[in-house]
Amino acid sequence: MKRKAGLLVVCVVLASSAVAQTLSAPDNSTRSIVFGSALKPDTTALIPEGEFEEPTYRNAWGLDVLVSNDGFGLGMFYKREFTEDLSGFATFSISESKDEREVEQYNYFSGQSFTPGKLQRFLVMPLMFGVQQRLFREEIADNFRPFINIGAGPAVILSAPFTEFRTVGEVVQSQQVEFFKSLGKARTHYTAGGFIGVGANFGSERANVFGVNFRYYFTYIFGDGLPSLYKERTAGEVLATKKEFGGFFITLNVGMAY
């Protein structure tokens, strides 16, 4: 009986020693399995310190809404990023331009507004190419990205009749021309222009573009300018011409990046 007990004790000691050696010995050929999938080895240590993936820069396109003292306008833009701070762009827009001497009045009896002495409507269509430089990237949070930009390019100016004259007997009468009808009688004038601006893009989501831009446009017609106002007493005699078709604009940018 004592021999059996001693033999049992020896067996237990040997088994415990074997199990301890098995648990302490590493086995590089085995992998842990969790829910049937092998755990992937950590490869972050394989990337040398100080080396990162090269950044990818986005292109963007979208719509512009222009607001000025002369009225509203619409446009579109395409932008391509060259670096994190520098990008190039192209814009095309259509906006209304007025003579600064125009005075719009309202007829309370007819319920219509009118502009005495206005001779023509003007639509300005510039095609601008430029560059945009982001400011203070490392000092300001990424959801507010201020920038400056500058652009230049050709421009087309449409002059359409606002008022037409007809002679009834010995009396010359003036009549306002409906907007779309006047466009069919518009004349085209070509020139060039440019702008300087400052603005900012908002939001941390780069897939969407939303920003505001304050720009001053320089757009001139060379020569004598285009007739804009007439003398009411002399029925059709030109009172003033217009040479400058630029000015200060607030532009809202809405688009998508890809």
Protein backbone atom coordinates (compact mmCIF):
# COMPACT_ATOMS: atom_id res chain seq x y z
CA MET A 1 0.00 0.00 0.00
CA LYS A 2 2.83 2.39 0.89
CA ARG A 3 4.55 1.49 -2.40
CA LYS A 4 1.40 2.33 -4.38
CA ALA A 5 1.02 5.65 -2.58
CA GLY A 6 4.67 6.55 -3.19
CA LEU A 7 4.39 5.59 -6.87
CA LEU A 8 1.28 7.78 -7.21
CA VAL A 9 3.08 10.77 -5.70
CA VAL A 10 6.00 10.32 -8.12
CA CYS A 11 3.63 10.17 -11.11
CA VAL A 12 1.84 13.36 -10.02
CA VAL A 13 5.14 15.22 -9.64
CA LEU A 14 6.37 14.09 -13.07
CA ALA A 15 3.09 15.03 -14.76
CA SER A 16 3.08 18.47 -13.14
CA SER A 17 6.63 19.09 -14.31
CA ALA A 18 5.78 18.10 -17.89
CA VAL A 19 2.72 20.34 -17.98
CA ALA A 20 4.73 23.30 -16.62
CA GLN A 21 7.40 22.82 -19.29
CA THR A 22 4.75 22.67 -22.02
CA LEU A 23 3.08 25.89 -20.87
CA SER A 24 6.36 27.78 -20.53
CA ALA A 25 7.75 26.81 -23.93
CA PRO A 26 6.76 29.29 -26.74
CA ASP A 27 5.33 27.84 -29.91
CA ASN A 28 5.67 30.26 -32.82
CA SER A 29 3.88 27.95 -35.20
CA THR A 30 0.56 28.19 -33.38
CA ARG A 31 -1.96 31.02 -33.83
CA SER A 32 -4.82 32.01 -31.61
CA ILE A 33 -8.26 31.53 -33.13
CA VAL A 34 -11.12 33.84 -32.24
CA PHE A 35 -14.54 33.01 -33.65
CA GLY A 36 -12.91 30.96 -36.37
CA SER A 37 -10.57 33.76 -37.67
CA ALA A 38 -6.82 33.91 -37.18
CA LEU A 39 -5.51 37.03 -35.46
CA LYS A 40 -3.36 39.06 -37.83
CA PRO A 41 0.11 40.01 -36.62
CA ASP A 42 0.72 43.65 -35.68
CA THR A 43 2.57 45.29 -38.59
CA THR A 44 2.72 48.84 -37.23
CA ALA A 45 6.22 48.21 -35.98
CA LEU A 46 7.33 47.55 -39.56
CA ILE A 47 6.81 51.24 -40.59
CA PRO A 48 10.04 53.17 -39.96
CA GLU A 49 9.70 56.04 -37.53
CA GLY A 50 9.15 59.40 -39.24
CA GLU A 51 7.83 57.92 -42.51
CA PHE A 52 4.15 58.34 -43.48
CA GLU A 53 1.99 57.73 -46.50
CA GLU A 54 2.11 60.47 -49.12
CA PRO A 55 -1.00 62.71 -48.75
CA THR A 56 -3.64 62.67 -51.46
CA TYR A 57 -5.04 65.99 -52.64
CA ARG A 58 -8.63 66.41 -53.73
CA ASN A 59 -10.27 68.03 -56.71
CA ALA A 60 -13.59 69.81 -56.27
CA TRP A 61 -16.42 71.28 -58.32
CA GLY A 62 -19.60 73.08 -57.45
CA LEU A 63 -21.82 76.15 -57.72
CA ASP A 64 -21.30 79.82 -56.87
CA VAL A 65 -24.01 82.22 -55.72
CA LEU A 66 -22.96 85.85 -56.26
CA VAL A 67 -24.42 88.84 -54.44
CA SER A 68 -23.56 92.48 -55.20
CA ASN A 69 -25.11 95.95 -55.20
CA ASP A 70 -26.21 95.29 -58.79
CA GLY A 71 -28.15 92.11 -57.97
CA PHE A 72 -27.56 88.37 -57.96
CA GLY A 73 -25.61 85.98 -60.12
CA LEU A 74 -24.90 82.28 -60.55
CA GLY A 75 -21.75 80.45 -61.51
CA MET A 76 -19.76 77.25 -61.31
CA PHE A 77 -16.19 76.38 -60.35
CA TYR A 78 -13.59 73.64 -60.66
CA LYS A 79 -10.65 73.46 -58.25
CA ARG A 80 -7.55 71.27 -58.22
CA GLU A 81 -5.24 71.02 -55.21
CA PHE A 82 -1.48 71.03 -55.85
CA THR A 83 -0.37 70.96 -52.21
CA GLU A 84 -2.10 71.18 -48.86
CA ASP A 85 -2.02 74.98 -49.12
CA LEU A 86 -1.97 75.81 -52.85
CA SER A 87 -4.65 75.07 -55.44
CA GLY A 88 -5.68 76.27 -58.88
CA PHE A 89 -9.22 76.89 -60.10
CA ALA A 90 -11.44 77.96 -62.98
CA THR A 91 -14.76 79.79 -62.57
CA PHE A 92 -17.54 80.90 -64.88
CA SER A 93 -20.43 83.11 -63.79
CA ILE A 94 -23.32 85.23 -65.04
CA SER A 95 -24.34 88.32 -63.10
CA GLU A 96 -26.24 91.55 -63.66
CA SER A 97 -24.56 94.93 -63.81
CA LYS A 98 -26.20 98.35 -63.52
CA ASP A 99 -25.21 101.95 -63.95
CA GLU A 100 -24.51 103.37 -60.48
CA ARG A 101 -26.56 106.44 -61.42
CA GLU A 102 -29.76 104.43 -61.84
CA VAL A 103 -32.54 105.18 -59.37
CA GLU A 104 -35.23 102.51 -59.13
CA GLN A 105 -38.69 103.76 -58.25
CA TYR A 106 -41.97 102.07 -57.35
CA ASN A 107 -45.42 102.89 -58.70
CA TYR A 108 -47.93 102.28 -55.90
CA PHE A 109 -50.91 102.54 -58.28
CA SER A 110 -49.72 99.90 -60.75
CA GLY A 111 -47.70 97.88 -58.24
CA GLN A 112 -44.65 97.86 -60.52
CA SER A 113 -41.13 99.15 -60.13
CA PHE A 114 -39.40 101.16 -62.86
CA THR A 115 -36.11 102.93 -63.47
CA PRO A 116 -36.46 106.33 -65.18
CA GLY A 117 -33.96 106.89 -67.97
CA LYS A 118 -32.58 103.33 -68.03
CA LEU A 119 -31.58 102.46 -71.56
CA GLN A 120 -29.99 98.98 -71.43
CA ARG A 121 -29.60 95.87 -69.33
CA PHE A 122 -26.11 94.40 -68.85
CA LEU A 123 -25.10 90.81 -68.15
CA VAL A 124 -21.46 90.08 -67.33
CA MET A 125 -20.02 86.61 -68.01
CA PRO A 126 -16.36 86.26 -66.97
CA LEU A 127 -14.27 83.09 -67.34
CA MET A 128 -11.53 83.33 -64.71
CA PHE A 129 -8.46 81.20 -64.01
CA GLY A 130 -6.54 81.66 -60.79
CA VAL A 131 -4.72 80.35 -57.74
CA GLN A 132 -5.76 80.06 -54.11
CA GLN A 133 -3.43 80.05 -51.10
CA ARG A 134 -4.56 78.72 -47.74
CA LEU A 135 -3.51 80.72 -44.68
CA PHE A 136 -2.51 79.71 -41.13
CA ARG A 137 -3.00 75.97 -41.64
CA GLU A 138 -0.96 75.01 -38.57
CA GLU A 139 -2.34 77.73 -36.30
CA ILE A 140 -6.11 77.46 -36.92
CA ALA A 141 -8.46 74.50 -36.49
CA ASP A 142 -9.14 72.54 -39.67
CA ASN A 143 -12.88 73.32 -39.69
CA PHE A 144 -12.06 76.97 -40.51
CA ARG A 145 -9.68 77.34 -43.47
CA PRO A 146 -9.03 80.98 -44.51
CA PHE A 147 -7.46 81.73 -47.88
CA ILE A 148 -6.61 84.44 -50.40
CA ASN A 149 -7.07 84.10 -54.15
CA ILE A 150 -6.47 85.94 -57.38
CA GLY A 151 -7.73 85.34 -60.92
CA ALA A 152 -7.91 86.75 -64.42
CA GLY A 153 -9.41 85.88 -67.78
CA PRO A 154 -11.68 86.89 -70.66
CA ALA A 155 -15.18 88.26 -70.15
CA VAL A 156 -18.28 88.69 -72.29
CA ILE A 157 -20.75 91.53 -71.69
CA LEU A 158 -24.27 91.35 -73.11
CA SER A 159 -26.11 94.63 -73.60
CA ALA A 160 -29.85 94.18 -74.08
CA PRO A 161 -32.42 96.96 -74.57
CA PHE A 162 -34.33 97.94 -71.45
CA THR A 163 -36.27 100.72 -73.17
CA GLU A 164 -37.38 101.04 -76.78
CA PHE A 165 -38.78 104.10 -78.51
CA ARG A 166 -41.51 104.53 -81.10
CA THR A 167 -42.92 107.57 -82.81
CA VAL A 168 -46.68 108.08 -82.77
CA GLY A 169 -47.42 111.08 -84.95
CA GLU A 170 -45.03 113.72 -83.72
CA VAL A 171 -44.70 112.22 -80.26
CA VAL A 172 -41.85 109.85 -79.32
CA GLN A 173 -42.98 107.29 -76.77
CA SER A 174 -40.81 104.98 -74.64
CA GLN A 175 -41.72 101.42 -73.73
CA GLN A 176 -39.99 98.99 -71.37
CA VAL A 177 -38.90 95.72 -72.99
CA GLU A 178 -39.69 92.43 -71.25
CA PHE A 179 -36.55 90.66 -69.96
CA PHE A 180 -36.52 87.52 -72.12
CA LYS A 181 -37.62 89.44 -75.19
CA SER A 182 -34.74 91.86 -74.72
CA LEU A 183 -32.22 88.98 -74.56
CA GLY A 184 -33.16 88.11 -78.12
CA LYS A 185 -31.97 91.57 -79.14
CA ALA A 186 -28.78 91.55 -77.08
CA ARG A 187 -25.38 92.54 -78.46
CA THR A 188 -22.10 90.91 -77.44
CA HIS A 189 -19.00 92.78 -76.29
CA TYR A 190 -15.65 91.16 -75.45
CA THR A 191 -13.13 92.31 -72.88
CA ALA A 192 -10.89 90.98 -70.10
CA GLY A 193 -10.84 91.26 -66.34
CA GLY A 194 -9.57 89.96 -63.05
CA PHE A 195 -10.24 89.86 -59.32
CA ILE A 196 -8.61 89.63 -55.92
CA GLY A 197 -10.35 88.01 -52.99
CA VAL A 198 -10.24 86.66 -49.46
CA GLY A 199 -12.47 84.03 -47.90
CA ALA A 200 -12.72 80.81 -45.92
CA ASN A 201 -14.01 77.25 -46.20
CA PHE A 202 -15.91 75.73 -43.31
CA GLY A 203 -16.41 72.24 -41.88
CA SER A 204 -14.09 69.33 -41.14
CA GLU A 205 -15.72 67.04 -43.73
CA ARG A 206 -13.58 67.46 -46.85
CA ALA A 207 -15.99 65.52 -49.09
CA ASN A 208 -18.29 68.56 -49.08
CA VAL A 209 -17.24 72.11 -49.98
CA PHE A 210 -18.88 75.09 -48.29
CA GLY A 211 -17.27 78.51 -48.16
CA VAL A 212 -17.66 82.25 -48.59
CA ASN A 213 -15.47 84.50 -50.71
CA PHE A 214 -15.23 88.32 -50.79
CA ARG A 215 -13.97 89.45 -54.19
CA TYR A 216 -13.41 92.67 -56.04
CA TYR A 217 -13.68 92.32 -59.82
CA PHE A 218 -11.95 94.56 -62.36
CA THR A 219 -13.86 94.45 -65.65
CA TYR A 220 -13.66 97.34 -68.11
CA ILE A 221 -14.88 98.16 -71.60
CA PHE A 222 -12.34 100.15 -73.57
CA GLY A 223 -13.30 103.13 -75.68
CA ASP A 224 -16.36 105.26 -75.09
CA GLY A 225 -18.24 102.63 -73.12
CA LEU A 226 -21.78 101.34 -73.61
CA PRO A 227 -24.90 103.58 -73.53
CA SER A 228 -26.70 103.07 -70.22
CA LEU A 229 -29.00 106.07 -69.55
CA TYR A 230 -31.01 108.44 -71.77
CA LYS A 231 -32.54 111.87 -71.37
CA GLU A 232 -36.25 111.54 -70.81
CA ARG A 233 -37.06 115.04 -72.10
CA THR A 234 -35.33 114.46 -75.42
CA ALA A 235 -36.67 110.91 -75.81
CA GLY A 236 -33.72 108.70 -76.54
CA GLU A 237 -30.70 110.98 -76.46
CA VAL A 238 -27.88 109.22 -74.59
CA LEU A 239 -27.21 110.76 -71.21
CA ALA A 240 -24.49 108.43 -69.84
CA THR A 241 -22.31 105.51 -70.83
CA LYS A 242 -20.88 102.69 -68.71
CA LYS A 243 -17.27 101.46 -68.85
CA GLU A 244 -16.77 99.61 -65.57
CA PHE A 245 -18.62 96.33 -65.05
CA GLY A 246 -16.81 94.96 -62.00
CA GLY A 247 -17.22 95.76 -58.33
CA PHE A 248 -17.47 94.09 -54.96
CA PHE A 249 -19.09 90.64 -54.78
CA ILE A 250 -19.89 88.20 -51.98
CA THR A 251 -19.68 84.66 -53.35
CA LEU A 252 -21.04 81.55 -51.63
CA ASN A 253 -19.37 78.29 -52.73
CA VAL A 254 -21.16 74.94 -52.46
CA GLY A 255 -19.73 71.78 -53.99
CA MET A 256 -18.25 68.31 -53.71
CA ALA A 257 -14.66 67.03 -53.53
CA TYR A 258 -13.38 63.82 -55.11
